[in-house]
Amino acid sequence: MTTATETIQKYYDALIEGYDLLVDAIEKANERGIKVSRQLAADVIAGQREALQLGKKLAAEPTDLGQLYAGILEATTAAQGRALAFTQVAYQEALASGADARELIKKLAEANRETAAAAVEVARQWATANPFADMMKKGLEAFQPSSTANTKNEEAPASA
């Protein structure tokens, strides 16, 4: 048989496990957000550098239409590649987030079952160990009409 202290410790351990699951989920979501933000920042920086390089080429040879066309085509292709790579990173992180959310819900449901079981056990032990709980129960029973009292009243003749 477990002691009251062990039962209370089980209850708090179950609560802590649930909170730890939530903290872990928040940290994972934060890491995903940082990863996507870093990718976006890197893409913006690369795009700015390419635009500046294209501007520099055009300033050096403003009449060379072949170089202008090649530079624009090169910058456009690179921008499309970055956009595709960013979309892929964002999509992968969204998929991972959904899988993590399903796993978190499953773990939280189990942790909540454990917490509820521990709480019931704490309440049961408290009720059996607490003299006031027994007094309350007996007091409530005293106010309940007994079945023998009802049968005696029904058998007694009514006086006129």
Protein backbone atom coordinates (compact mmCIF):
# COMPACT_ATOMS: atom_id res chain seq x y z
CA MET A 1 0.00 0.00 0.00
CA THR A 2 1.31 3.43 -0.86
CA THR A 3 1.55 6.14 1.73
CA ALA A 4 -0.21 9.48 1.45
CA THR A 5 3.12 11.20 0.78
CA GLU A 6 3.93 8.82 -2.07
CA THR A 7 0.48 9.34 -3.55
CA ILE A 8 0.82 13.12 -3.39
CA GLN A 9 4.28 12.86 -4.96
CA LYS A 10 2.78 10.79 -7.80
CA TYR A 11 0.17 13.48 -8.33
CA TYR A 12 2.74 16.27 -8.51
CA ASP A 13 5.05 14.18 -10.69
CA ALA A 14 2.17 13.67 -13.14
CA LEU A 15 1.46 17.42 -13.16
CA ILE A 16 5.13 18.21 -13.74
CA GLU A 17 5.26 15.70 -16.60
CA GLY A 18 2.34 17.47 -18.29
CA TYR A 19 3.98 20.88 -17.92
CA ASP A 20 7.30 19.49 -19.21
CA LEU A 21 5.51 18.22 -22.32
CA LEU A 22 4.09 21.68 -22.96
CA VAL A 23 7.46 23.38 -22.43
CA ASP A 24 9.10 20.93 -24.84
CA ALA A 25 6.43 21.62 -27.47
CA ILE A 26 6.91 25.38 -27.09
CA GLU A 27 10.68 25.03 -27.45
CA LYS A 28 10.30 22.93 -30.61
CA ALA A 29 7.90 25.44 -32.13
CA ASN A 30 10.29 28.26 -31.25
CA GLU A 31 13.19 26.42 -32.92
CA ARG A 32 11.07 25.92 -36.05
CA GLY A 33 10.19 29.59 -36.15
CA ILE A 34 13.83 30.57 -35.77
CA LYS A 35 14.86 28.17 -38.55
CA VAL A 36 12.29 29.60 -40.97
CA SER A 37 13.18 33.19 -39.99
CA ARG A 38 16.88 32.56 -40.52
CA GLN A 39 16.20 31.03 -43.93
CA LEU A 40 14.09 34.05 -44.89
CA ALA A 41 16.78 36.48 -43.69
CA ALA A 42 19.48 34.61 -45.63
CA ASP A 43 17.33 34.70 -48.76
CA VAL A 44 16.69 38.43 -48.41
CA ILE A 45 20.40 39.12 -47.94
CA ALA A 46 21.29 37.01 -50.98
CA GLY A 47 18.65 38.78 -53.07
CA GLN A 48 19.93 42.19 -52.03
CA ARG A 49 23.50 41.24 -52.91
CA GLU A 50 22.45 39.95 -56.31
CA ALA A 51 20.46 43.12 -57.01
CA LEU A 52 23.47 45.25 -56.05
CA GLN A 53 25.78 43.13 -58.23
CA LEU A 54 23.36 43.50 -61.14
CA GLY A 55 23.23 47.25 -60.61
CA LYS A 56 27.02 47.40 -60.50
CA LYS A 57 27.27 45.48 -63.82
CA LEU A 58 24.74 47.78 -65.45
CA ALA A 59 26.54 50.89 -64.21
CA ALA A 60 29.84 49.62 -65.59
CA GLU A 61 28.46 48.81 -69.06
CA PRO A 62 25.09 50.55 -69.54
CA THR A 63 25.02 49.94 -73.31
CA ASP A 64 25.80 46.20 -73.26
CA LEU A 65 22.32 44.72 -73.69
CA GLY A 66 23.62 41.14 -73.72
CA GLN A 67 25.18 41.58 -70.29
CA LEU A 68 21.99 43.26 -69.06
CA TYR A 69 19.82 40.39 -70.28
CA ALA A 70 22.17 37.73 -68.87
CA GLY A 71 22.35 39.50 -65.50
CA ILE A 72 18.56 39.83 -65.24
CA LEU A 73 18.06 36.18 -66.24
CA GLU A 74 20.67 35.05 -63.72
CA ALA A 75 19.14 37.13 -60.89
CA THR A 76 15.63 35.94 -61.72
CA THR A 77 16.69 32.28 -61.76
CA ALA A 78 18.52 32.65 -58.45
CA ALA A 79 15.49 34.36 -56.88
CA GLN A 80 13.19 31.56 -58.05
CA GLY A 81 15.59 28.98 -56.61
CA ARG A 82 15.62 30.76 -53.26
CA ALA A 83 11.84 31.05 -53.25
CA LEU A 84 11.52 27.33 -53.96
CA ALA A 85 14.05 26.44 -51.25
CA PHE A 86 12.29 28.68 -48.73
CA THR A 87 8.91 27.16 -49.57
CA GLN A 88 10.38 23.70 -49.11
CA VAL A 89 11.82 24.59 -45.68
CA ALA A 90 8.54 26.16 -44.57
CA TYR A 91 6.55 23.15 -45.80
CA GLN A 92 8.84 20.65 -44.05
CA GLU A 93 8.61 22.60 -40.81
CA ALA A 94 4.82 22.74 -41.09
CA LEU A 95 4.66 18.96 -41.61
CA ALA A 96 6.95 18.35 -38.66
CA SER A 97 4.87 20.72 -36.56
CA GLY A 98 1.70 18.76 -37.34
CA ALA A 99 3.37 15.46 -36.41
CA ASP A 100 4.69 16.98 -33.20
CA ALA A 101 1.23 18.32 -32.35
CA ARG A 102 -0.33 14.86 -32.76
CA GLU A 103 2.38 13.33 -30.58
CA LEU A 104 1.97 16.07 -27.97
CA ILE A 105 -1.79 15.52 -27.77
CA LYS A 106 -1.24 11.79 -27.30
CA LYS A 107 1.34 12.35 -24.55
CA LEU A 108 -0.79 15.00 -22.83
CA ALA A 109 -3.80 12.68 -22.81
CA GLU A 110 -1.72 9.99 -21.13
CA ALA A 111 -0.26 12.47 -18.64
CA ASN A 112 -3.76 13.76 -17.85
CA ARG A 113 -4.97 10.19 -17.23
CA GLU A 114 -2.07 9.67 -14.83
CA THR A 115 -2.78 12.99 -13.12
CA ALA A 116 -6.47 12.18 -12.74
CA ALA A 117 -5.70 8.72 -11.33
CA ALA A 118 -3.24 10.22 -8.87
CA ALA A 119 -5.75 12.90 -7.85
CA VAL A 120 -8.43 10.27 -7.24
CA GLU A 121 -6.01 8.28 -5.13
CA VAL A 122 -5.05 11.38 -3.12
CA ALA A 123 -8.73 12.18 -2.53
CA ARG A 124 -9.49 8.58 -1.56
CA GLN A 125 -6.61 8.45 0.90
CA TRP A 126 -7.53 11.82 2.33
CA ALA A 127 -11.13 10.75 2.81
CA THR A 128 -10.14 7.54 4.58
CA ALA A 129 -7.53 9.23 6.77
CA ASN A 130 -9.45 12.40 7.62
CA PRO A 131 -11.72 12.15 10.70
CA PHE A 132 -13.77 15.11 9.48
CA ALA A 133 -14.66 13.27 6.29
CA ASP A 134 -16.03 10.37 8.33
CA MET A 135 -17.98 12.79 10.56
CA MET A 136 -19.47 14.48 7.50
CA LYS A 137 -20.50 11.12 6.06
CA LYS A 138 -22.12 10.02 9.31
CA GLY A 139 -23.82 13.39 9.66
CA LEU A 140 -25.29 13.13 6.18
CA GLU A 141 -26.43 9.58 6.90
CA ALA A 142 -28.16 10.76 10.09
CA PHE A 143 -30.33 13.13 8.08
CA GLN A 144 -31.38 10.42 5.63
CA PRO A 145 -34.75 8.85 6.44
CA SER A 146 -34.29 5.24 7.39
CA SER A 147 -36.43 2.56 5.79
CA THR A 148 -37.44 1.03 9.18
CA ALA A 149 -38.80 4.34 10.44
CA ASN A 150 -41.00 4.64 7.38
CA THR A 151 -42.47 1.17 7.77
CA LYS A 152 -43.31 1.74 11.47
CA ASN A 153 -45.18 4.96 10.65
CA GLU A 154 -47.17 3.20 7.95
CA GLU A 155 -48.24 0.36 10.34
CA ALA A 156 -49.35 2.64 13.18
CA PRO A 157 -53.09 3.34 13.16
CA ALA A 158 -54.16 6.86 12.72
CA SER A 159 -55.84 8.26 15.83
CA ALA A 160 -59.08 10.09 15.41
